[in-house]
């Protein structure tokens, strides 16, 4: 099977996912599904963490409540697929992607808030892109439809994080920092991680 990549048209992403990642993912779908379960749980945790960190930010709390609920719904959907395929839930080692992006978040406020929102937006944008690639190339119709069904919500999620950033910070400042973080995000994926993961 010939795998093509989509051009870098996903908003905020500097470079597209490589063909090598698609081949790796398709050859290790059970591992990708298990990692996907972990990703949805972590995404819900991130939204909840930001809500607890900034409880006075009404718009943030309102929008991230919805995201946390939706991420948990996706977590349950992935777990149902794992159960049907006989794949037990298990711990996994995380690739450096998430930790390295998190290390870019500045520690002092209000920069910490801005960076946290933008890092989350980039991760959701990459998930949107990769779910789209899985939807196109997976031969299993159920899994292909499943990943296609998640694309819209992932796009909405990265849009929410972006909107929140521009709600609390000047747009020019947001764009400048986003450009810096997007370069880092792209560089982290420039070399294929040996262990197949959603973000590897």
N, C-alpha and C. Protein backbone atom coordinates (compact mmCIF):
# COMPACT_ATOMS: atom_id res chain seq x y z
N UNK A 1 0.84 -1.19 0.00
CA UNK A 1 0.00 0.00 0.00
C UNK A 1 0.88 1.25 0.00
N UNK A 2 0.55 2.16 -0.89
CA UNK A 2 1.28 3.41 -0.96
C UNK A 2 0.62 4.43 -0.04
N UNK A 3 1.42 5.04 0.81
CA UNK A 3 0.91 6.02 1.77
C UNK A 3 1.36 7.41 1.34
N UNK A 4 0.44 8.30 1.25
CA UNK A 4 0.77 9.69 0.96
C UNK A 4 0.51 10.52 2.19
N UNK A 5 1.20 11.63 2.32
CA UNK A 5 0.95 12.53 3.44
C UNK A 5 0.10 13.69 2.96
N UNK A 6 -0.58 14.31 3.89
CA UNK A 6 -1.34 15.50 3.55
C UNK A 6 -0.42 16.71 3.68
N UNK A 7 -0.63 17.74 2.88
CA UNK A 7 0.23 18.92 2.97
C UNK A 7 0.01 19.64 4.30
N UNK A 8 0.96 20.50 4.67
CA UNK A 8 0.86 21.18 5.97
C UNK A 8 -0.21 22.27 5.98
N UNK A 9 -1.47 21.85 5.80
CA UNK A 9 -2.57 22.80 5.79
C UNK A 9 -3.32 22.85 7.11
N UNK A 10 -2.95 21.95 8.03
CA UNK A 10 -3.59 21.98 9.34
C UNK A 10 -3.12 23.25 10.05
N UNK A 11 -4.07 24.04 10.47
CA UNK A 11 -3.74 25.32 11.08
C UNK A 11 -2.83 25.13 12.28
N UNK A 12 -1.81 25.95 12.36
CA UNK A 12 -0.85 26.02 13.46
C UNK A 12 0.34 25.06 13.28
N UNK A 13 0.22 24.00 12.49
CA UNK A 13 1.32 23.05 12.36
C UNK A 13 2.31 23.50 11.30
N UNK A 14 3.59 23.45 11.63
CA UNK A 14 4.64 23.90 10.71
C UNK A 14 4.88 22.88 9.61
N UNK A 15 4.87 21.59 9.97
CA UNK A 15 5.17 20.56 8.98
C UNK A 15 4.21 19.38 9.14
N UNK A 16 3.98 18.64 8.04
CA UNK A 16 3.05 17.51 8.11
C UNK A 16 3.71 16.27 8.69
N UNK A 17 2.90 15.34 9.09
CA UNK A 17 3.39 14.04 9.55
C UNK A 17 4.04 13.30 8.39
N UNK A 18 5.08 12.55 8.71
CA UNK A 18 5.81 11.81 7.69
C UNK A 18 5.10 10.52 7.29
N UNK A 19 5.40 10.05 6.08
CA UNK A 19 4.90 8.76 5.63
C UNK A 19 5.38 7.65 6.56
N UNK A 20 6.60 7.81 7.08
CA UNK A 20 7.16 6.78 7.95
C UNK A 20 6.29 6.56 9.18
N UNK A 21 5.75 7.64 9.76
CA UNK A 21 4.88 7.47 10.92
C UNK A 21 3.62 6.71 10.54
N UNK A 22 3.05 7.00 9.38
CA UNK A 22 1.83 6.32 8.96
C UNK A 22 2.10 4.83 8.80
N UNK A 23 3.19 4.47 8.14
CA UNK A 23 3.54 3.05 7.99
C UNK A 23 3.72 2.40 9.36
N UNK A 24 4.41 3.08 10.26
CA UNK A 24 4.65 2.54 11.60
C UNK A 24 3.33 2.33 12.34
N UNK A 25 2.44 3.32 12.27
CA UNK A 25 1.16 3.22 12.96
C UNK A 25 0.32 2.08 12.40
N UNK A 26 0.25 1.96 11.08
CA UNK A 26 -0.56 0.91 10.47
C UNK A 26 -0.05 -0.48 10.81
N UNK A 27 1.26 -0.60 11.01
CA UNK A 27 1.86 -1.89 11.35
C UNK A 27 1.70 -2.23 12.83
N UNK A 28 1.24 -1.27 13.62
CA UNK A 28 1.15 -1.47 15.07
C UNK A 28 -0.16 -0.90 15.62
N UNK A 29 -1.27 -1.24 14.99
CA UNK A 29 -2.54 -0.61 15.35
C UNK A 29 -2.97 -0.90 16.78
N UNK A 30 -2.69 -2.10 17.28
CA UNK A 30 -3.07 -2.41 18.66
C UNK A 30 -2.36 -1.48 19.64
N UNK A 31 -1.08 -1.22 19.37
CA UNK A 31 -0.31 -0.32 20.24
C UNK A 31 -0.82 1.11 20.10
N UNK A 32 -1.13 1.52 18.89
CA UNK A 32 -1.65 2.86 18.64
C UNK A 32 -2.98 3.05 19.37
N UNK A 33 -3.83 2.04 19.33
CA UNK A 33 -5.11 2.14 20.03
C UNK A 33 -4.92 2.25 21.54
N UNK A 34 -4.02 1.46 22.08
CA UNK A 34 -3.76 1.54 23.52
C UNK A 34 -3.21 2.91 23.89
N UNK A 35 -2.29 3.42 23.08
CA UNK A 35 -1.74 4.75 23.34
C UNK A 35 -2.82 5.81 23.20
N UNK A 36 -3.71 5.62 22.25
CA UNK A 36 -4.81 6.56 22.06
C UNK A 36 -5.65 6.66 23.33
N UNK A 37 -5.89 5.52 23.98
CA UNK A 37 -6.63 5.53 25.25
C UNK A 37 -5.91 6.41 26.26
N UNK A 38 -4.61 6.24 26.37
CA UNK A 38 -3.83 7.06 27.30
C UNK A 38 -3.91 8.54 26.93
N UNK A 39 -3.87 8.83 25.63
CA UNK A 39 -3.91 10.23 25.18
C UNK A 39 -5.22 10.90 25.55
N UNK A 40 -6.34 10.20 25.39
CA UNK A 40 -7.63 10.79 25.73
C UNK A 40 -7.73 11.06 27.23
N UNK A 41 -7.24 10.13 28.02
CA UNK A 41 -7.26 10.35 29.48
C UNK A 41 -6.40 11.54 29.86
N UNK A 42 -5.21 11.63 29.27
CA UNK A 42 -4.31 12.75 29.57
C UNK A 42 -4.92 14.07 29.11
N UNK A 43 -5.61 14.06 27.97
CA UNK A 43 -6.23 15.29 27.47
C UNK A 43 -7.30 15.79 28.44
N UNK A 44 -8.07 14.85 28.99
CA UNK A 44 -9.07 15.24 29.99
C UNK A 44 -8.39 15.80 31.24
N UNK A 45 -7.28 15.18 31.64
CA UNK A 45 -6.55 15.64 32.81
C UNK A 45 -6.00 17.04 32.60
N UNK A 46 -5.51 17.31 31.41
CA UNK A 46 -4.97 18.65 31.11
C UNK A 46 -6.06 19.71 31.23
N UNK A 47 -7.23 19.42 30.65
CA UNK A 47 -8.33 20.38 30.72
C UNK A 47 -8.74 20.62 32.18
N UNK A 48 -8.85 19.56 32.95
CA UNK A 48 -9.22 19.70 34.36
C UNK A 48 -8.15 20.47 35.13
N UNK A 49 -6.90 20.19 34.85
CA UNK A 49 -5.80 20.87 35.54
C UNK A 49 -5.84 22.37 35.31
N UNK A 50 -6.11 22.78 34.07
CA UNK A 50 -6.19 24.21 33.76
C UNK A 50 -7.39 24.85 34.45
N UNK A 51 -8.48 24.11 34.54
CA UNK A 51 -9.67 24.63 35.23
C UNK A 51 -9.37 24.88 36.71
N UNK A 52 -8.65 23.95 37.33
CA UNK A 52 -8.31 24.11 38.75
C UNK A 52 -7.26 25.20 38.95
N UNK A 53 -6.38 25.37 37.97
CA UNK A 53 -5.31 26.37 38.11
C UNK A 53 -5.85 27.78 37.93
N UNK A 54 -6.87 27.94 37.07
CA UNK A 54 -7.39 29.27 36.78
C UNK A 54 -8.91 29.31 37.02
N UNK A 55 -9.35 29.07 38.26
CA UNK A 55 -10.79 28.98 38.53
C UNK A 55 -11.54 30.29 38.35
N UNK A 56 -10.83 31.42 38.39
CA UNK A 56 -11.50 32.71 38.23
C UNK A 56 -11.68 33.08 36.76
N UNK A 57 -11.10 32.31 35.85
CA UNK A 57 -11.22 32.59 34.42
C UNK A 57 -12.48 31.90 33.90
N UNK A 58 -13.58 32.60 33.95
CA UNK A 58 -14.90 32.01 33.71
C UNK A 58 -15.01 31.36 32.34
N UNK A 59 -14.56 32.05 31.32
CA UNK A 59 -14.66 31.51 29.96
C UNK A 59 -13.83 30.24 29.81
N UNK A 60 -12.65 30.25 30.38
CA UNK A 60 -11.78 29.07 30.34
C UNK A 60 -12.46 27.89 31.03
N UNK A 61 -12.98 28.10 32.21
CA UNK A 61 -13.61 27.02 32.96
C UNK A 61 -14.79 26.46 32.19
N UNK A 62 -15.59 27.33 31.62
CA UNK A 62 -16.78 26.87 30.89
C UNK A 62 -16.40 26.02 29.69
N UNK A 63 -15.46 26.50 28.90
CA UNK A 63 -15.11 25.79 27.67
C UNK A 63 -14.30 24.52 27.94
N UNK A 64 -13.45 24.54 28.94
CA UNK A 64 -12.66 23.35 29.22
C UNK A 64 -13.45 22.28 29.96
N UNK A 65 -14.53 22.68 30.63
CA UNK A 65 -15.44 21.68 31.20
C UNK A 65 -16.00 20.81 30.07
N UNK A 66 -16.41 21.46 28.99
CA UNK A 66 -16.96 20.72 27.85
C UNK A 66 -15.90 19.83 27.21
N UNK A 67 -14.68 20.35 27.10
CA UNK A 67 -13.62 19.54 26.50
C UNK A 67 -13.29 18.34 27.37
N UNK A 68 -13.19 18.53 28.68
CA UNK A 68 -12.88 17.42 29.58
C UNK A 68 -13.93 16.32 29.46
N UNK A 69 -15.18 16.71 29.40
CA UNK A 69 -16.25 15.72 29.27
C UNK A 69 -16.14 14.97 27.94
N UNK A 70 -15.84 15.69 26.88
CA UNK A 70 -15.74 15.04 25.57
C UNK A 70 -14.53 14.12 25.50
N UNK A 71 -13.41 14.54 26.08
CA UNK A 71 -12.22 13.69 26.09
C UNK A 71 -12.51 12.38 26.84
N UNK A 72 -13.24 12.47 27.93
CA UNK A 72 -13.59 11.26 28.68
C UNK A 72 -14.53 10.37 27.88
N UNK A 73 -15.42 10.97 27.10
CA UNK A 73 -16.27 10.18 26.22
C UNK A 73 -15.44 9.43 25.19
N UNK A 74 -14.45 10.11 24.64
CA UNK A 74 -13.56 9.46 23.66
C UNK A 74 -12.74 8.36 24.33
N UNK A 75 -12.31 8.61 25.55
CA UNK A 75 -11.57 7.61 26.33
C UNK A 75 -12.40 6.33 26.44
N UNK A 76 -13.69 6.48 26.74
CA UNK A 76 -14.56 5.32 26.87
C UNK A 76 -14.75 4.63 25.53
N UNK A 77 -14.87 5.39 24.45
CA UNK A 77 -15.05 4.80 23.12
C UNK A 77 -13.82 3.98 22.72
N UNK A 78 -12.64 4.53 22.96
CA UNK A 78 -11.41 3.79 22.63
C UNK A 78 -11.33 2.52 23.48
N UNK A 79 -11.67 2.64 24.74
CA UNK A 79 -11.61 1.47 25.63
C UNK A 79 -12.57 0.38 25.18
N UNK A 80 -13.72 0.76 24.64
CA UNK A 80 -14.65 -0.23 24.11
C UNK A 80 -14.05 -0.97 22.92
N UNK A 81 -13.35 -0.25 22.07
CA UNK A 81 -12.67 -0.88 20.93
C UNK A 81 -11.57 -1.82 21.42
N UNK A 82 -10.81 -1.37 22.40
CA UNK A 82 -9.77 -2.22 22.96
C UNK A 82 -10.37 -3.52 23.51
N UNK A 83 -11.48 -3.41 24.20
CA UNK A 83 -12.12 -4.59 24.78
C UNK A 83 -12.59 -5.55 23.69
N UNK A 84 -13.19 -5.00 22.63
CA UNK A 84 -13.66 -5.86 21.54
C UNK A 84 -12.51 -6.56 20.83
N UNK A 85 -11.35 -5.92 20.81
CA UNK A 85 -10.19 -6.51 20.14
C UNK A 85 -9.33 -7.34 21.09
N UNK A 86 -9.76 -7.45 22.34
CA UNK A 86 -9.02 -8.27 23.30
C UNK A 86 -7.70 -7.66 23.73
N UNK A 87 -7.61 -6.33 23.73
CA UNK A 87 -6.38 -5.63 24.12
C UNK A 87 -6.57 -5.10 25.54
N UNK A 88 -5.85 -5.63 26.52
CA UNK A 88 -6.04 -5.16 27.90
C UNK A 88 -5.42 -3.78 28.12
N UNK A 89 -6.04 -2.99 28.96
CA UNK A 89 -5.45 -1.72 29.36
C UNK A 89 -4.15 -2.00 30.10
N UNK A 90 -3.14 -1.20 29.82
CA UNK A 90 -1.83 -1.42 30.43
C UNK A 90 -1.06 -0.12 30.40
N UNK A 91 -0.12 0.05 31.32
CA UNK A 91 0.72 1.24 31.28
C UNK A 91 1.63 1.23 30.06
N UNK A 92 2.02 2.42 29.63
CA UNK A 92 2.93 2.54 28.48
C UNK A 92 3.96 3.62 28.77
N UNK A 93 5.13 3.46 28.21
CA UNK A 93 6.12 4.53 28.29
C UNK A 93 5.73 5.63 27.31
N UNK A 94 5.85 6.84 27.77
CA UNK A 94 5.45 7.97 26.91
C UNK A 94 6.62 8.39 26.03
N UNK A 95 6.35 8.77 24.78
CA UNK A 95 7.41 9.33 23.94
C UNK A 95 7.80 10.70 24.47
N UNK A 96 8.93 11.25 24.03
CA UNK A 96 9.38 12.54 24.57
C UNK A 96 8.52 13.73 24.15
N UNK A 97 7.65 13.56 23.18
CA UNK A 97 6.87 14.66 22.60
C UNK A 97 6.18 15.52 23.65
N UNK A 98 5.32 14.91 24.46
CA UNK A 98 4.54 15.68 25.42
C UNK A 98 5.39 16.36 26.47
N UNK A 99 6.35 15.62 27.02
CA UNK A 99 7.20 16.19 28.07
C UNK A 99 8.05 17.33 27.53
N UNK A 100 8.55 17.18 26.31
CA UNK A 100 9.38 18.23 25.72
C UNK A 100 8.56 19.49 25.43
N UNK A 101 7.34 19.30 24.94
CA UNK A 101 6.50 20.47 24.73
C UNK A 101 6.16 21.15 26.05
N UNK A 102 5.85 20.34 27.06
CA UNK A 102 5.53 20.89 28.37
C UNK A 102 6.71 21.65 28.95
N UNK A 103 7.92 21.21 28.65
CA UNK A 103 9.12 21.89 29.17
C UNK A 103 9.28 23.29 28.59
N UNK A 104 8.57 23.57 27.49
CA UNK A 104 8.63 24.90 26.88
C UNK A 104 7.73 25.90 27.59
N UNK A 105 6.84 25.40 28.45
CA UNK A 105 5.91 26.28 29.16
C UNK A 105 6.67 27.07 30.22
N UNK A 106 6.60 28.37 30.13
CA UNK A 106 7.29 29.22 31.10
C UNK A 106 6.61 29.13 32.46
N UNK A 107 7.37 29.30 33.50
CA UNK A 107 6.87 29.02 34.86
C UNK A 107 6.14 30.19 35.49
N UNK A 108 6.43 31.40 35.05
CA UNK A 108 5.81 32.57 35.67
C UNK A 108 4.54 32.95 34.93
N UNK A 109 3.57 33.43 35.69
CA UNK A 109 2.34 33.94 35.10
C UNK A 109 2.53 35.39 34.65
N UNK A 110 1.85 35.83 33.62
CA UNK A 110 0.79 35.11 32.90
C UNK A 110 1.31 34.25 31.74
N UNK A 111 2.66 34.23 31.56
CA UNK A 111 3.22 33.46 30.45
C UNK A 111 2.87 31.98 30.56
N UNK A 112 2.79 31.48 31.78
CA UNK A 112 2.47 30.07 31.96
C UNK A 112 1.10 29.73 31.38
N UNK A 113 0.16 30.60 31.62
CA UNK A 113 -1.19 30.37 31.10
C UNK A 113 -1.19 30.37 29.57
N UNK A 114 -0.55 31.36 28.98
CA UNK A 114 -0.50 31.46 27.53
C UNK A 114 0.15 30.22 26.93
N UNK A 115 1.30 29.84 27.44
CA UNK A 115 2.02 28.70 26.88
C UNK A 115 1.24 27.40 27.05
N UNK A 116 0.59 27.25 28.19
CA UNK A 116 -0.20 26.03 28.44
C UNK A 116 -1.32 25.90 27.42
N UNK A 117 -2.00 27.00 27.13
CA UNK A 117 -3.08 26.97 26.16
C UNK A 117 -2.56 26.67 24.76
N UNK A 118 -1.44 27.26 24.39
CA UNK A 118 -0.91 27.06 23.05
C UNK A 118 -0.32 25.67 22.86
N UNK A 119 0.33 25.15 23.87
CA UNK A 119 0.84 23.78 23.78
C UNK A 119 -0.32 22.80 23.61
N UNK A 120 -1.37 23.01 24.37
CA UNK A 120 -2.55 22.14 24.23
C UNK A 120 -3.16 22.26 22.83
N UNK A 121 -3.18 23.47 22.31
CA UNK A 121 -3.72 23.67 20.97
C UNK A 121 -2.90 22.93 19.93
N UNK A 122 -1.59 22.98 20.04
CA UNK A 122 -0.72 22.29 19.09
C UNK A 122 -0.89 20.77 19.17
N UNK A 123 -0.99 20.25 20.37
CA UNK A 123 -1.18 18.81 20.53
C UNK A 123 -2.50 18.36 19.91
N UNK A 124 -3.55 19.14 20.13
CA UNK A 124 -4.85 18.80 19.56
C UNK A 124 -4.83 18.91 18.04
N UNK A 125 -4.11 19.90 17.52
CA UNK A 125 -4.00 20.05 16.07
C UNK A 125 -3.27 18.85 15.46
N UNK A 126 -2.23 18.39 16.12
CA UNK A 126 -1.49 17.22 15.62
C UNK A 126 -2.37 15.98 15.71
N UNK A 127 -3.16 15.85 16.77
CA UNK A 127 -4.07 14.72 16.87
C UNK A 127 -5.08 14.74 15.72
N UNK A 128 -5.62 15.91 15.44
CA UNK A 128 -6.56 16.07 14.33
C UNK A 128 -5.94 15.58 13.03
N UNK A 129 -4.72 16.00 12.77
CA UNK A 129 -4.04 15.61 11.54
C UNK A 129 -3.82 14.10 11.48
N UNK A 130 -3.34 13.53 12.56
CA UNK A 130 -3.00 12.11 12.55
C UNK A 130 -4.23 11.21 12.56
N UNK A 131 -5.28 11.64 13.22
CA UNK A 131 -6.52 10.87 13.15
C UNK A 131 -7.03 10.87 11.70
N UNK A 132 -6.84 11.98 11.01
CA UNK A 132 -7.24 12.03 9.60
C UNK A 132 -6.44 11.06 8.76
N UNK A 133 -5.16 10.97 9.01
CA UNK A 133 -4.32 10.03 8.26
C UNK A 133 -4.72 8.58 8.55
N UNK A 134 -5.02 8.29 9.81
CA UNK A 134 -5.47 6.95 10.15
C UNK A 134 -6.80 6.64 9.48
N UNK A 135 -7.70 7.61 9.46
CA UNK A 135 -9.01 7.40 8.83
C UNK A 135 -8.86 7.09 7.34
N UNK A 136 -7.89 7.70 6.69
CA UNK A 136 -7.68 7.50 5.26
C UNK A 136 -7.05 6.14 4.97
N UNK A 137 -6.08 5.74 5.78
CA UNK A 137 -5.24 4.60 5.41
C UNK A 137 -5.56 3.28 6.11
N UNK A 138 -6.30 3.30 7.23
CA UNK A 138 -6.63 2.04 7.90
C UNK A 138 -7.61 1.25 7.04
N UNK A 139 -7.33 -0.03 6.85
CA UNK A 139 -8.20 -0.88 6.04
C UNK A 139 -9.44 -1.34 6.80
N UNK A 140 -9.31 -1.47 8.12
CA UNK A 140 -10.44 -1.87 8.96
C UNK A 140 -11.50 -0.76 8.94
N UNK A 141 -12.68 -1.09 8.41
CA UNK A 141 -13.70 -0.05 8.21
C UNK A 141 -14.16 0.57 9.53
N UNK A 142 -14.32 -0.28 10.56
CA UNK A 142 -14.76 0.24 11.86
C UNK A 142 -13.77 1.26 12.40
N UNK A 143 -12.48 0.92 12.36
CA UNK A 143 -11.47 1.83 12.89
C UNK A 143 -11.36 3.09 12.03
N UNK A 144 -11.44 2.91 10.72
CA UNK A 144 -11.37 4.08 9.83
C UNK A 144 -12.51 5.04 10.13
N UNK A 145 -13.71 4.53 10.29
CA UNK A 145 -14.86 5.38 10.59
C UNK A 145 -14.72 6.03 11.97
N UNK A 146 -14.17 5.27 12.90
CA UNK A 146 -13.97 5.80 14.24
C UNK A 146 -13.04 7.01 14.21
N UNK A 147 -11.92 6.87 13.53
CA UNK A 147 -10.98 7.99 13.49
C UNK A 147 -11.52 9.15 12.68
N UNK A 148 -12.28 8.86 11.66
CA UNK A 148 -12.90 9.95 10.91
C UNK A 148 -13.89 10.71 11.80
N UNK A 149 -14.60 9.99 12.67
CA UNK A 149 -15.59 10.63 13.53
C UNK A 149 -14.96 11.54 14.57
N UNK A 150 -13.70 11.30 14.90
CA UNK A 150 -13.03 12.11 15.92
C UNK A 150 -12.41 13.38 15.37
N UNK A 151 -12.26 13.47 14.07
CA UNK A 151 -11.53 14.60 13.49
C UNK A 151 -12.15 15.94 13.81
N UNK A 152 -13.47 16.02 13.71
CA UNK A 152 -14.14 17.30 13.94
C UNK A 152 -13.95 17.77 15.37
N UNK A 153 -14.05 16.85 16.32
CA UNK A 153 -13.90 17.25 17.72
C UNK A 153 -12.47 17.69 18.01
N UNK A 154 -11.48 17.01 17.41
CA UNK A 154 -10.10 17.43 17.62
C UNK A 154 -9.86 18.82 17.04
N UNK A 155 -10.43 19.08 15.89
CA UNK A 155 -10.31 20.42 15.30
C UNK A 155 -10.97 21.46 16.19
N UNK A 156 -12.12 21.12 16.73
CA UNK A 156 -12.81 22.05 17.63
C UNK A 156 -11.99 22.28 18.89
N UNK A 157 -11.36 21.23 19.40
CA UNK A 157 -10.57 21.37 20.62
C UNK A 157 -9.39 22.31 20.42
N UNK A 158 -8.65 22.13 19.33
CA UNK A 158 -7.50 23.03 19.17
C UNK A 158 -7.97 24.45 18.89
N UNK A 159 -9.15 24.58 18.29
CA UNK A 159 -9.71 25.91 18.12
C UNK A 159 -10.11 26.56 19.43
N UNK A 160 -10.64 25.76 20.35
CA UNK A 160 -11.02 26.29 21.66
C UNK A 160 -9.80 26.80 22.42
N UNK A 161 -8.73 26.01 22.43
CA UNK A 161 -7.53 26.45 23.14
C UNK A 161 -6.96 27.73 22.52
N UNK A 162 -6.99 27.81 21.20
CA UNK A 162 -6.54 29.02 20.51
C UNK A 162 -7.43 30.20 20.87
N UNK A 163 -8.72 30.01 20.83
CA UNK A 163 -9.65 31.09 21.15
C UNK A 163 -9.45 31.58 22.58
N UNK A 164 -9.23 30.65 23.50
CA UNK A 164 -8.98 31.05 24.89
C UNK A 164 -7.70 31.87 25.00
N UNK A 165 -6.68 31.47 24.25
CA UNK A 165 -5.43 32.25 24.29
C UNK A 165 -5.67 33.68 23.82
N UNK A 166 -6.45 33.84 22.75
CA UNK A 166 -6.71 35.18 22.24
C UNK A 166 -7.75 35.92 23.08
N UNK A 167 -8.47 35.21 23.93
CA UNK A 167 -9.41 35.85 24.85
C UNK A 167 -8.65 36.55 25.97
N UNK A 168 -7.59 35.93 26.44
CA UNK A 168 -6.88 36.44 27.61
C UNK A 168 -5.58 37.17 27.27
N UNK A 169 -5.17 37.12 26.00
CA UNK A 169 -3.92 37.77 25.61
C UNK A 169 -4.10 38.44 24.26
N UNK A 170 -3.29 39.48 24.01
CA UNK A 170 -3.35 40.18 22.73
C UNK A 170 -2.98 39.23 21.60
N UNK A 171 -3.69 39.35 20.49
CA UNK A 171 -3.51 38.42 19.37
C UNK A 171 -2.06 38.41 18.87
N UNK A 172 -1.45 39.59 18.78
CA UNK A 172 -0.07 39.65 18.28
C UNK A 172 0.87 38.86 19.18
N UNK A 173 0.66 38.96 20.48
CA UNK A 173 1.49 38.21 21.43
C UNK A 173 1.26 36.71 21.28
N UNK A 174 0.02 36.34 21.07
CA UNK A 174 -0.32 34.92 20.90
C UNK A 174 0.34 34.37 19.65
N UNK A 175 0.24 35.10 18.54
CA UNK A 175 0.80 34.64 17.28
C UNK A 175 2.31 34.48 17.36
N UNK A 176 2.96 35.42 18.02
CA UNK A 176 4.42 35.36 18.15
C UNK A 176 4.85 34.12 18.94
N UNK A 177 4.18 33.87 20.05
CA UNK A 177 4.55 32.72 20.86
C UNK A 177 4.16 31.41 20.19
N UNK A 178 3.02 31.40 19.52
CA UNK A 178 2.59 30.20 18.81
C UNK A 178 3.61 29.80 17.74
N UNK A 179 4.13 30.78 17.03
CA UNK A 179 5.13 30.49 15.99
C UNK A 179 6.36 29.82 16.59
N UNK A 180 6.78 30.29 17.76
CA UNK A 180 7.94 29.69 18.43
C UNK A 180 7.66 28.25 18.85
N UNK A 181 6.52 28.04 19.45
CA UNK A 181 6.19 26.70 19.95
C UNK A 181 5.92 25.73 18.81
N UNK A 182 5.36 26.22 17.71
CA UNK A 182 5.07 25.35 16.58
C UNK A 182 6.35 24.81 15.95
N UNK A 183 7.39 25.61 15.96
CA UNK A 183 8.68 25.14 15.44
C UNK A 183 9.22 24.01 16.31
N UNK A 184 9.13 24.20 17.62
CA UNK A 184 9.58 23.15 18.54
C UNK A 184 8.76 21.88 18.33
N UNK A 185 7.45 22.02 18.20
CA UNK A 185 6.57 20.86 18.00
C UNK A 185 6.98 20.09 16.76
N UNK A 186 7.26 20.80 15.68
CA UNK A 186 7.65 20.15 14.44
C UNK A 186 8.99 19.44 14.58
N UNK A 187 9.92 20.08 15.25
CA UNK A 187 11.25 19.49 15.43
C UNK A 187 11.18 18.20 16.25
N UNK A 188 10.28 18.14 17.21
CA UNK A 188 10.15 16.95 18.05
C UNK A 188 9.69 15.74 17.25
N UNK A 189 9.02 15.98 16.13
CA UNK A 189 8.52 14.89 15.30
C UNK A 189 9.36 14.68 14.05
N UNK A 190 10.48 15.38 13.94
CA UNK A 190 11.31 15.28 12.74
C UNK A 190 12.02 13.94 12.64
N UNK A 191 12.22 13.29 13.77
CA UNK A 191 12.82 11.95 13.80
C UNK A 191 11.80 10.98 14.36
N UNK A 192 11.56 9.89 13.64
CA UNK A 192 10.56 8.92 14.06
C UNK A 192 11.00 8.20 15.33
N UNK A 193 10.13 8.24 16.34
CA UNK A 193 10.41 7.54 17.59
C UNK A 193 10.30 6.04 17.35
N UNK A 194 11.21 5.23 17.91
CA UNK A 194 11.18 3.79 17.64
C UNK A 194 9.93 3.08 18.16
N UNK A 195 9.26 3.65 19.15
CA UNK A 195 8.06 3.03 19.69
C UNK A 195 6.83 3.73 19.10
N UNK A 196 5.95 2.99 18.42
CA UNK A 196 4.78 3.61 17.80
C UNK A 196 3.85 4.23 18.82
N UNK A 197 3.51 5.48 18.61
CA UNK A 197 2.60 6.21 19.48
C UNK A 197 1.81 7.20 18.62
N UNK A 198 0.71 7.70 19.16
CA UNK A 198 -0.05 8.74 18.45
C UNK A 198 0.83 9.96 18.21
N UNK A 199 1.60 10.35 19.20
CA UNK A 199 2.51 11.49 19.06
C UNK A 199 3.95 11.00 19.20
N UNK A 200 4.46 10.39 18.13
CA UNK A 200 5.83 9.89 18.16
C UNK A 200 6.55 10.25 16.87
